[in-house]
Protein backbone atom coordinates (compact mmCIF):
# COMPACT_ATOMS: atom_id res chain seq x y z
CA MET A 1 15.53 74.10 24.64
CA SER A 2 18.21 72.18 23.88
CA LEU A 3 18.09 68.33 22.64
CA ALA A 4 21.31 68.17 25.14
CA VAL A 5 18.93 68.44 28.06
CA PHE A 6 16.92 65.38 27.05
CA SER A 7 20.09 63.54 25.98
CA LYS A 8 21.04 63.72 29.70
CA THR A 9 17.87 61.97 30.71
CA PRO A 10 17.99 58.16 31.01
CA SER A 11 16.05 57.27 27.59
CA LEU A 12 13.53 54.10 29.12
CA TYR A 13 11.95 56.76 31.65
CA TRP A 14 10.56 58.28 28.29
CA LEU A 15 8.92 54.98 27.25
CA ALA A 16 7.42 55.01 31.04
CA ILE A 17 6.25 58.59 30.53
CA VAL A 18 4.83 57.91 27.14
CA SER A 19 2.86 55.29 28.28
CA THR A 20 1.66 57.02 31.08
CA LEU A 21 0.21 59.71 28.90
CA VAL A 22 -1.26 57.11 26.68
CA MET A 23 -2.85 55.36 29.80
CA LEU A 24 -4.42 58.82 30.64
CA LEU A 25 -6.20 59.41 27.63
CA PRO A 26 -10.09 58.44 28.07
CA SER A 27 -10.73 55.06 27.23
CA ASN A 28 -12.28 55.87 23.76
CA ILE A 29 -9.63 57.55 22.63
CA ARG A 30 -7.65 54.87 23.97
CA ASP A 31 -9.02 52.27 21.84
CA PHE A 32 -7.31 54.07 19.16
CA PHE A 33 -3.87 52.65 20.19
CA TYR A 34 -4.66 48.82 20.81
CA LEU A 35 -3.16 46.50 18.43
CA ASN A 36 -6.32 45.42 17.09
CA PHE A 37 -5.49 43.03 14.31
CA ASN A 38 -8.47 43.41 11.82
CA ASP A 39 -8.16 47.07 12.12
CA VAL A 40 -4.65 47.00 11.05
CA LEU A 41 -5.42 45.10 8.21
CA ASN A 42 -7.72 47.40 7.26
CA GLY A 43 -5.12 49.69 6.81
CA GLU A 44 -4.59 51.30 10.76
CA ILE A 45 -0.82 50.58 10.69
CA TRP A 46 0.09 53.03 13.54
CA ARG A 47 -1.29 50.40 16.20
CA MET A 48 1.54 48.10 15.07
CA LEU A 49 3.25 50.41 17.10
CA SER A 50 0.85 52.30 19.65
CA GLY A 51 -0.66 49.00 20.77
CA HIS A 52 2.48 48.39 22.63
CA LEU A 53 2.06 51.83 24.90
CA ALA A 54 -1.72 51.12 25.62
CA HIS A 55 -2.66 49.51 28.70
CA LEU A 56 -5.63 47.64 29.79
CA SER A 57 -5.83 48.92 33.13
CA TRP A 58 -3.69 50.54 35.79
CA THR A 59 -2.71 47.17 37.14
CA HIS A 60 -1.40 45.94 33.96
CA TRP A 61 0.50 49.68 33.48
CA LEU A 62 2.26 49.69 37.02
CA LEU A 63 3.59 46.03 36.46
CA ASN A 64 4.96 47.24 33.06
CA THR A 65 6.45 50.60 34.43
CA VAL A 66 8.26 48.42 37.37
CA GLY A 67 10.03 46.58 34.45
CA VAL A 68 10.72 49.90 32.73
CA LEU A 69 12.25 51.20 35.91
CA LEU A 70 14.14 47.47 36.33
CA LEU A 71 15.52 47.69 32.81
CA GLN A 72 16.65 50.97 33.25
CA ARG A 73 18.41 50.21 36.51
CA TYR A 74 20.43 47.32 35.15
CA TYR A 75 20.81 47.81 31.80
CA GLY A 76 20.21 51.77 31.16
CA LYS A 77 23.77 51.81 29.37
CA TYR A 78 22.41 50.02 26.15
CA PHE A 79 19.64 52.68 26.14
CA SER A 80 21.13 55.84 26.40
CA GLN A 81 21.20 56.89 22.54
CA TRP A 82 18.26 58.17 21.14
CA GLN A 83 18.71 56.63 17.61
CA GLN A 84 19.65 53.29 19.15
CA LEU A 85 16.57 53.30 21.31
CA LEU A 86 14.24 54.04 18.67
CA ALA A 87 15.58 51.71 16.48
CA THR A 88 15.39 48.84 18.73
CA LEU A 89 11.86 49.49 20.00
CA ILE A 90 10.68 50.06 16.27
CA PHE A 91 12.09 46.90 15.22
CA ILE A 92 10.73 44.86 18.54
CA MET A 93 7.31 46.33 18.49
CA LEU A 94 7.03 45.85 14.65
CA THR A 95 8.36 42.23 15.17
CA ILE A 96 5.94 41.36 17.71
CA SER A 97 2.59 42.63 16.22
CA LEU A 98 3.63 41.15 12.80
CA CYS A 99 4.21 37.80 14.44
CA LEU A 100 1.18 38.03 16.36
CA ILE A 101 -1.11 39.12 13.67
CA ILE A 102 0.28 36.44 11.61
CA PHE A 103 0.84 33.31 14.17
CA SER A 104 -1.87 33.76 16.67
CA GLN A 105 -5.20 31.99 16.51
CA GLU A 106 -7.16 32.91 19.63
CA LEU A 107 -5.71 36.27 19.98
CA LYS A 108 -7.60 39.08 18.00
CA TRP A 109 -6.12 42.61 19.92
CA TYR A 110 -3.52 43.06 22.39
CA GLY A 111 -2.00 46.11 24.61
CA GLY A 112 1.11 46.70 26.78
CA LEU A 113 4.51 46.95 26.82
CA SER A 114 5.24 43.49 28.45
CA GLY A 115 6.47 41.75 25.04
CA VAL A 116 8.61 44.86 24.15
CA LEU A 117 10.30 44.81 27.73
CA ILE A 118 11.38 41.17 27.56
CA GLY A 119 12.83 42.20 23.87
CA LEU A 120 14.84 45.03 25.49
CA PHE A 121 15.86 42.40 28.16
CA TYR A 122 17.36 39.72 26.11
CA PHE A 123 18.96 42.60 23.71
CA ALA A 124 20.64 44.17 26.83
CA ALA A 125 21.42 40.97 28.71
CA LEU A 126 22.71 39.21 25.89
CA GLN A 127 25.11 42.21 25.20
CA ASP A 128 26.06 42.37 28.83
CA TYR A 129 26.89 38.69 29.51
CA GLN A 130 30.40 39.48 28.89
CA HIS A 131 30.62 41.86 31.58
CA ASN A 132 28.52 39.88 34.16
CA LYS A 133 28.29 36.43 33.22
CA LEU A 134 26.54 34.88 36.45
CA PHE A 135 24.05 37.69 36.61
CA ASN A 136 23.31 37.73 33.23
CA GLY A 137 23.17 33.67 32.54
CA ILE A 138 20.94 33.31 35.58
CA ALA A 139 18.56 36.12 34.32
CA ILE A 140 18.75 35.01 30.71
CA ALA A 141 18.21 31.16 32.06
CA MET A 142 15.12 32.46 34.12
CA PHE A 143 13.77 34.50 31.62
CA SER A 144 13.82 31.53 29.16
CA LEU A 145 12.66 29.19 31.29
CA TYR A 146 9.55 31.25 31.78
CA ILE A 147 8.79 32.16 28.27
CA ALA A 148 9.18 28.31 27.50
CA MET A 149 6.49 27.02 30.21
CA GLN A 150 4.15 30.02 29.48
CA GLN A 151 3.85 28.25 25.67
CA PHE A 152 2.75 25.27 27.20
CA SER A 153 -0.73 27.17 28.70
CA GLY A 154 -1.53 28.30 25.31
CA GLU A 155 -1.91 31.73 23.74
CA LEU A 156 -3.89 33.28 26.82
CA GLY A 157 -2.44 32.94 30.52
CA GLU A 158 -3.32 34.03 33.96
CA GLY A 159 -1.89 37.52 34.73
CA LEU A 160 -0.52 37.89 38.58
CA THR A 161 -4.00 39.57 39.03
CA ASN A 162 -7.44 38.81 37.38
CA GLN A 163 -7.42 42.54 35.73
CA VAL A 164 -4.27 41.10 33.68
CA THR A 165 -4.40 38.36 30.85
CA VAL A 166 -1.17 37.52 29.54
CA ALA A 167 -0.53 37.21 25.54
CA THR A 168 2.20 34.32 26.39
CA ARG A 169 3.14 34.38 22.39
CA ALA A 170 3.63 38.50 22.81
CA HIS A 171 6.43 37.33 25.24
CA LEU A 172 8.28 34.81 22.99
CA PHE A 173 8.08 36.79 19.82
CA GLY A 174 9.64 39.62 22.14
CA ALA A 175 12.45 37.66 23.43
CA LEU A 176 13.18 36.39 19.31
CA ALA A 177 12.94 39.91 18.56
CA GLY A 178 15.37 41.18 20.77
CA ALA A 179 18.03 38.40 20.15
CA LEU A 180 17.53 39.02 16.17
CA TRP A 181 17.68 42.71 16.63
CA LEU A 182 21.17 42.29 18.29
CA ILE A 183 22.61 39.73 15.73
CA LEU A 184 21.36 42.08 13.04
CA ILE A 185 23.23 45.19 14.70
CA THR A 186 26.37 43.43 15.26
CA LEU A 187 26.45 41.59 11.39
CA TRP A 188 26.12 45.51 10.67
CA LYS A 189 29.12 46.84 12.88
CA LYS A 190 31.03 44.18 11.23
CA THR A 191 30.17 45.00 7.99
CA ARG A 192 30.84 48.59 8.11
CA GLN A 193 34.42 47.47 10.15
CA ASN A 194 34.99 45.39 7.05
CA HIS A 195 34.78 48.64 4.32
């Protein structure tokens, strides 16, 4: 099958598909995906990526999948190139994981896409700001206020349901990672133009 078939499919849908496949795995196998900090420090490095694809419950999965669909709906054009999407995902995932391992005092393990989704949002919305200043300005301001307010509740906050506990710092680190990745890409493009 030609890769051209896959390139025509909106990229973020594949992120939802992969996280769904992980969710369908038996729980004892899914345990090998979660970002368990001690296991990472003992050499299970893959968890720094896979942890963001493993959800705690179907409710948790559903909330994040809705986020993926909304991102694709409003910012899909910024994720239409496979190489750029993969590089962006890997950078945001690794940055969140590393920051959680280094800076989290209470959190010992983590699972879910929410931090990554927030990183993808900042990466896309900041780029799109020049095209729609009002919409993106309000969206960025609301997300930033939400993340700032979360930090006052500590590392763990209440989710929308009792099945989900929010790792608030993952959201903060995701936002910073998305913005930082955009800065790095912008600087890299400018450097290439100057040579």
